[in-house]
Structure formats: structure tokens, C-alpha cells
Amino acid sequence: MEFIANVQGLTAIAIGIIIGLGALGACLGIAIMGSKFLESAARQPELVPMLQGRMFLLAGLIDAAFIIGLAVALYFATGNPLLSALTAK
């Protein structure tokens, strides 16, 4: 029984790491992309409409990677496959 509690505790820590590092990576990625967009818009203002569309596309892709990580973390939080494999024995 103590082993199951240990698996649950380590799973909770892993969930926190997945969500925390995913959010940090997404925030840094969007911040760097936004700064490069502003830099390029200041250099060539006539390209702003094209660059803006591509920036929003990349922002969606960056957020999609974080949301996939969030979904995996929530899957481990609610239907822990590690725990079900232990209790099946």
C-alpha cells in the first residue's frame, strides 16, 4: 500500500513539472517571437501584414504544444495508467 502512495506522490510531482516547464517554455517562446516580430516590423513596416499572420500561426503552434502537455498531465492526474497497472496484479 505504501508503494501505491509513493507512485501517486511521484506522479503529482511529475504533473507539476510537466505543466510548469511547459508553461515556462510557451511563455518564453511567445515572448521571443513577439520581440522578433516587433523588431522586424520596425525595420520593414510594409511587411507587417504578412509577418503578423505568420506570428499568430506560430503563437497557436507554440500554445498547442503546451496544451498537449497539459492534456497528458491531466490524463495522469485523473486516470493514472501507472496506478492501474499496479492494482491489476
N, C-alpha and C. Protein backbone atom coordinates (compact mmCIF):
# COMPACT_ATOMS: atom_id res chain seq x y z
N MET A 1 0.83 -1.20 0.00
CA MET A 1 0.00 0.00 0.00
C MET A 1 0.87 1.26 0.00
N GLU A 2 2.01 1.16 0.65
CA GLU A 2 2.91 2.31 0.69
C GLU A 2 3.50 2.59 -0.70
N PHE A 3 3.66 1.53 -1.48
CA PHE A 3 4.19 1.69 -2.83
C PHE A 3 3.21 2.45 -3.72
N ILE A 4 1.93 2.21 -3.56
CA ILE A 4 0.90 2.92 -4.33
C ILE A 4 0.90 4.40 -3.97
N ALA A 5 1.04 4.71 -2.69
CA ALA A 5 1.09 6.11 -2.26
C ALA A 5 2.34 6.80 -2.81
N ASN A 6 3.44 6.06 -2.88
CA ASN A 6 4.67 6.61 -3.44
C ASN A 6 4.49 6.92 -4.93
N VAL A 7 3.82 6.03 -5.67
CA VAL A 7 3.57 6.26 -7.09
C VAL A 7 2.66 7.47 -7.28
N GLN A 8 1.65 7.61 -6.43
CA GLN A 8 0.76 8.77 -6.53
C GLN A 8 1.50 10.07 -6.23
N GLY A 9 2.36 10.06 -5.25
CA GLY A 9 3.13 11.26 -4.91
C GLY A 9 4.09 11.67 -6.01
N LEU A 10 4.80 10.68 -6.57
CA LEU A 10 5.73 10.98 -7.66
C LEU A 10 5.00 11.40 -8.93
N THR A 11 3.80 10.85 -9.12
CA THR A 11 3.00 11.28 -10.28
C THR A 11 2.58 12.73 -10.12
N ALA A 12 2.21 13.14 -8.91
CA ALA A 12 1.84 14.53 -8.67
C ALA A 12 3.01 15.47 -8.92
N ILE A 13 4.20 15.07 -8.52
CA ILE A 13 5.39 15.89 -8.79
C ILE A 13 5.65 15.98 -10.29
N ALA A 14 5.51 14.85 -11.00
CA ALA A 14 5.72 14.85 -12.45
C ALA A 14 4.70 15.74 -13.15
N ILE A 15 3.46 15.74 -12.69
CA ILE A 15 2.42 16.59 -13.28
C ILE A 15 2.80 18.05 -13.11
N GLY A 16 3.27 18.42 -11.94
CA GLY A 16 3.70 19.79 -11.70
C GLY A 16 4.86 20.20 -12.59
N ILE A 17 5.80 19.29 -12.79
CA ILE A 17 6.94 19.59 -13.65
C ILE A 17 6.51 19.73 -15.10
N ILE A 18 5.62 18.84 -15.56
CA ILE A 18 5.14 18.91 -16.95
C ILE A 18 4.45 20.24 -17.21
N ILE A 19 3.53 20.61 -16.32
CA ILE A 19 2.77 21.85 -16.52
C ILE A 19 3.67 23.07 -16.36
N GLY A 20 4.52 23.07 -15.35
CA GLY A 20 5.38 24.22 -15.09
C GLY A 20 6.39 24.48 -16.20
N LEU A 21 7.09 23.43 -16.63
CA LEU A 21 8.07 23.63 -17.70
C LEU A 21 7.41 23.91 -19.04
N GLY A 22 6.24 23.31 -19.26
CA GLY A 22 5.51 23.61 -20.50
C GLY A 22 5.06 25.05 -20.56
N ALA A 23 4.54 25.56 -19.44
CA ALA A 23 4.10 26.96 -19.41
C ALA A 23 5.30 27.90 -19.55
N LEU A 24 6.39 27.57 -18.89
CA LEU A 24 7.58 28.41 -19.00
C LEU A 24 8.12 28.43 -20.42
N GLY A 25 8.16 27.28 -21.06
CA GLY A 25 8.64 27.22 -22.44
C GLY A 25 7.74 27.97 -23.40
N ALA A 26 6.42 27.83 -23.21
CA ALA A 26 5.49 28.53 -24.09
C ALA A 26 5.59 30.05 -23.90
N CYS A 27 5.72 30.48 -22.66
CA CYS A 27 5.84 31.93 -22.40
C CYS A 27 7.12 32.49 -22.99
N LEU A 28 8.22 31.78 -22.82
CA LEU A 28 9.49 32.25 -23.39
C LEU A 28 9.45 32.25 -24.92
N GLY A 29 8.85 31.21 -25.50
CA GLY A 29 8.76 31.14 -26.95
C GLY A 29 7.94 32.27 -27.54
N ILE A 30 6.79 32.55 -26.93
CA ILE A 30 5.94 33.63 -27.43
C ILE A 30 6.61 34.99 -27.19
N ALA A 31 7.30 35.15 -26.07
CA ALA A 31 7.98 36.42 -25.80
C ALA A 31 9.10 36.68 -26.80
N ILE A 32 9.90 35.67 -27.09
CA ILE A 32 10.98 35.84 -28.07
C ILE A 32 10.41 36.10 -29.45
N MET A 33 9.36 35.36 -29.82
CA MET A 33 8.75 35.56 -31.12
C MET A 33 8.14 36.96 -31.24
N GLY A 34 7.49 37.42 -30.19
CA GLY A 34 6.90 38.76 -30.21
C GLY A 34 7.95 39.85 -30.32
N SER A 35 9.06 39.67 -29.64
CA SER A 35 10.12 40.68 -29.73
C SER A 35 10.74 40.71 -31.12
N LYS A 36 10.91 39.53 -31.71
CA LYS A 36 11.46 39.49 -33.08
C LYS A 36 10.47 40.08 -34.09
N PHE A 37 9.17 39.88 -33.84
CA PHE A 37 8.16 40.46 -34.72
C PHE A 37 8.21 41.98 -34.65
N LEU A 38 8.27 42.53 -33.45
CA LEU A 38 8.34 43.99 -33.32
C LEU A 38 9.62 44.55 -33.93
N GLU A 39 10.70 43.82 -33.77
CA GLU A 39 11.98 44.24 -34.35
C GLU A 39 11.90 44.27 -35.88
N SER A 40 11.32 43.22 -36.46
CA SER A 40 11.23 43.18 -37.93
C SER A 40 10.19 44.15 -38.45
N ALA A 41 9.12 44.41 -37.68
CA ALA A 41 8.12 45.39 -38.10
C ALA A 41 8.69 46.80 -38.07
N ALA A 42 9.60 47.06 -37.16
CA ALA A 42 10.23 48.38 -37.11
C ALA A 42 11.20 48.58 -38.28
N ARG A 43 11.83 47.50 -38.72
CA ARG A 43 12.77 47.61 -39.83
C ARG A 43 12.08 47.72 -41.18
N GLN A 44 11.01 46.93 -41.37
CA GLN A 44 10.29 46.93 -42.64
C GLN A 44 8.78 46.99 -42.39
N PRO A 45 8.25 48.18 -42.21
CA PRO A 45 6.83 48.31 -41.89
C PRO A 45 5.88 47.81 -42.99
N GLU A 46 6.34 47.73 -44.21
CA GLU A 46 5.47 47.28 -45.30
C GLU A 46 5.20 45.77 -45.23
N LEU A 47 5.98 45.03 -44.47
CA LEU A 47 5.79 43.58 -44.33
C LEU A 47 4.96 43.19 -43.11
N VAL A 48 4.42 44.17 -42.39
CA VAL A 48 3.69 43.88 -41.15
C VAL A 48 2.50 42.95 -41.37
N PRO A 49 1.64 43.13 -42.38
CA PRO A 49 0.50 42.21 -42.52
C PRO A 49 0.92 40.75 -42.72
N MET A 50 1.94 40.51 -43.53
CA MET A 50 2.41 39.14 -43.75
C MET A 50 3.04 38.57 -42.48
N LEU A 51 3.86 39.37 -41.82
CA LEU A 51 4.53 38.90 -40.61
C LEU A 51 3.54 38.66 -39.47
N GLN A 52 2.49 39.48 -39.41
CA GLN A 52 1.52 39.33 -38.34
C GLN A 52 0.75 38.02 -38.47
N GLY A 53 0.38 37.67 -39.68
CA GLY A 53 -0.31 36.40 -39.89
C GLY A 53 0.55 35.21 -39.50
N ARG A 54 1.81 35.27 -39.87
CA ARG A 54 2.73 34.17 -39.52
C ARG A 54 3.00 34.14 -38.02
N MET A 55 3.03 35.30 -37.39
CA MET A 55 3.25 35.34 -35.95
C MET A 55 2.09 34.67 -35.20
N PHE A 56 0.86 34.97 -35.62
CA PHE A 56 -0.29 34.36 -34.97
C PHE A 56 -0.35 32.85 -35.21
N LEU A 57 0.06 32.41 -36.39
CA LEU A 57 0.11 30.98 -36.67
C LEU A 57 1.12 30.29 -35.75
N LEU A 58 2.29 30.89 -35.61
CA LEU A 58 3.31 30.31 -34.72
C LEU A 58 2.90 30.37 -33.26
N ALA A 59 2.19 31.43 -32.87
CA ALA A 59 1.71 31.51 -31.48
C ALA A 59 0.74 30.38 -31.20
N GLY A 60 -0.10 30.05 -32.16
CA GLY A 60 -1.02 28.93 -32.00
C GLY A 60 -0.30 27.60 -31.90
N LEU A 61 0.75 27.42 -32.68
CA LEU A 61 1.52 26.18 -32.62
C LEU A 61 2.28 26.05 -31.31
N ILE A 62 2.80 27.16 -30.82
CA ILE A 62 3.51 27.13 -29.54
C ILE A 62 2.54 26.79 -28.42
N ASP A 63 1.36 27.40 -28.44
CA ASP A 63 0.35 27.10 -27.41
C ASP A 63 -0.18 25.68 -27.55
N ALA A 64 -0.24 25.16 -28.77
CA ALA A 64 -0.72 23.80 -28.97
C ALA A 64 0.20 22.79 -28.29
N ALA A 65 1.48 23.03 -28.36
CA ALA A 65 2.42 22.12 -27.70
C ALA A 65 2.22 22.13 -26.18
N PHE A 66 1.96 23.32 -25.62
CA PHE A 66 1.70 23.40 -24.18
C PHE A 66 0.38 22.72 -23.83
N ILE A 67 -0.64 22.90 -24.65
CA ILE A 67 -1.95 22.30 -24.35
C ILE A 67 -1.89 20.78 -24.45
N ILE A 68 -1.09 20.24 -25.37
CA ILE A 68 -0.92 18.79 -25.44
C ILE A 68 -0.24 18.28 -24.17
N GLY A 69 0.77 18.98 -23.70
CA GLY A 69 1.41 18.61 -22.44
C GLY A 69 0.45 18.71 -21.27
N LEU A 70 -0.40 19.72 -21.27
CA LEU A 70 -1.41 19.86 -20.23
C LEU A 70 -2.40 18.71 -20.26
N ALA A 71 -2.80 18.28 -21.45
CA ALA A 71 -3.73 17.15 -21.57
C ALA A 71 -3.10 15.86 -21.05
N VAL A 72 -1.83 15.65 -21.35
CA VAL A 72 -1.14 14.46 -20.84
C VAL A 72 -1.05 14.51 -19.32
N ALA A 73 -0.76 15.67 -18.78
CA ALA A 73 -0.67 15.81 -17.32
C ALA A 73 -2.03 15.57 -16.67
N LEU A 74 -3.09 16.10 -17.26
CA LEU A 74 -4.42 15.86 -16.69
C LEU A 74 -4.83 14.40 -16.82
N TYR A 75 -4.39 13.73 -17.88
CA TYR A 75 -4.66 12.30 -18.01
C TYR A 75 -3.99 11.53 -16.87
N PHE A 76 -2.76 11.88 -16.57
CA PHE A 76 -2.07 11.22 -15.46
C PHE A 76 -2.70 11.58 -14.12
N ALA A 77 -3.29 12.77 -14.01
CA ALA A 77 -3.91 13.17 -12.75
C ALA A 77 -5.22 12.43 -12.50
N THR A 78 -5.99 12.18 -13.55
CA THR A 78 -7.31 11.58 -13.36
C THR A 78 -7.31 10.07 -13.58
N GLY A 79 -6.77 9.61 -14.68
CA GLY A 79 -6.76 8.18 -14.97
C GLY A 79 -5.35 7.66 -15.04
N ASN A 80 -4.70 7.59 -13.92
CA ASN A 80 -3.29 7.26 -13.87
C ASN A 80 -3.04 5.84 -14.38
N PRO A 81 -2.42 5.67 -15.55
CA PRO A 81 -2.17 4.32 -16.06
C PRO A 81 -1.12 3.58 -15.24
N LEU A 82 -0.24 4.30 -14.58
CA LEU A 82 0.77 3.65 -13.75
C LEU A 82 0.11 2.98 -12.54
N LEU A 83 -0.86 3.67 -11.97
CA LEU A 83 -1.55 3.15 -10.80
C LEU A 83 -2.46 1.98 -11.17
N SER A 84 -3.10 2.05 -12.31
CA SER A 84 -3.97 0.96 -12.72
C SER A 84 -3.15 -0.28 -13.07
N ALA A 85 -1.93 -0.11 -13.55
CA ALA A 85 -1.07 -1.26 -13.83
C ALA A 85 -0.62 -1.92 -12.53
N LEU A 86 -0.48 -1.16 -11.47
CA LEU A 86 -0.08 -1.74 -10.18
C LEU A 86 -1.22 -2.50 -9.52
N THR A 87 -2.41 -1.94 -9.62
CA THR A 87 -3.55 -2.58 -8.94
C THR A 87 -4.10 -3.77 -9.73
N ALA A 88 -3.70 -3.94 -10.99
CA ALA A 88 -4.18 -5.06 -11.80
C ALA A 88 -3.53 -6.37 -11.42
N LYS A 89 -2.39 -6.31 -10.74
CA LYS A 89 -1.65 -7.54 -10.37
C LYS A 89 -2.35 -8.31 -9.31
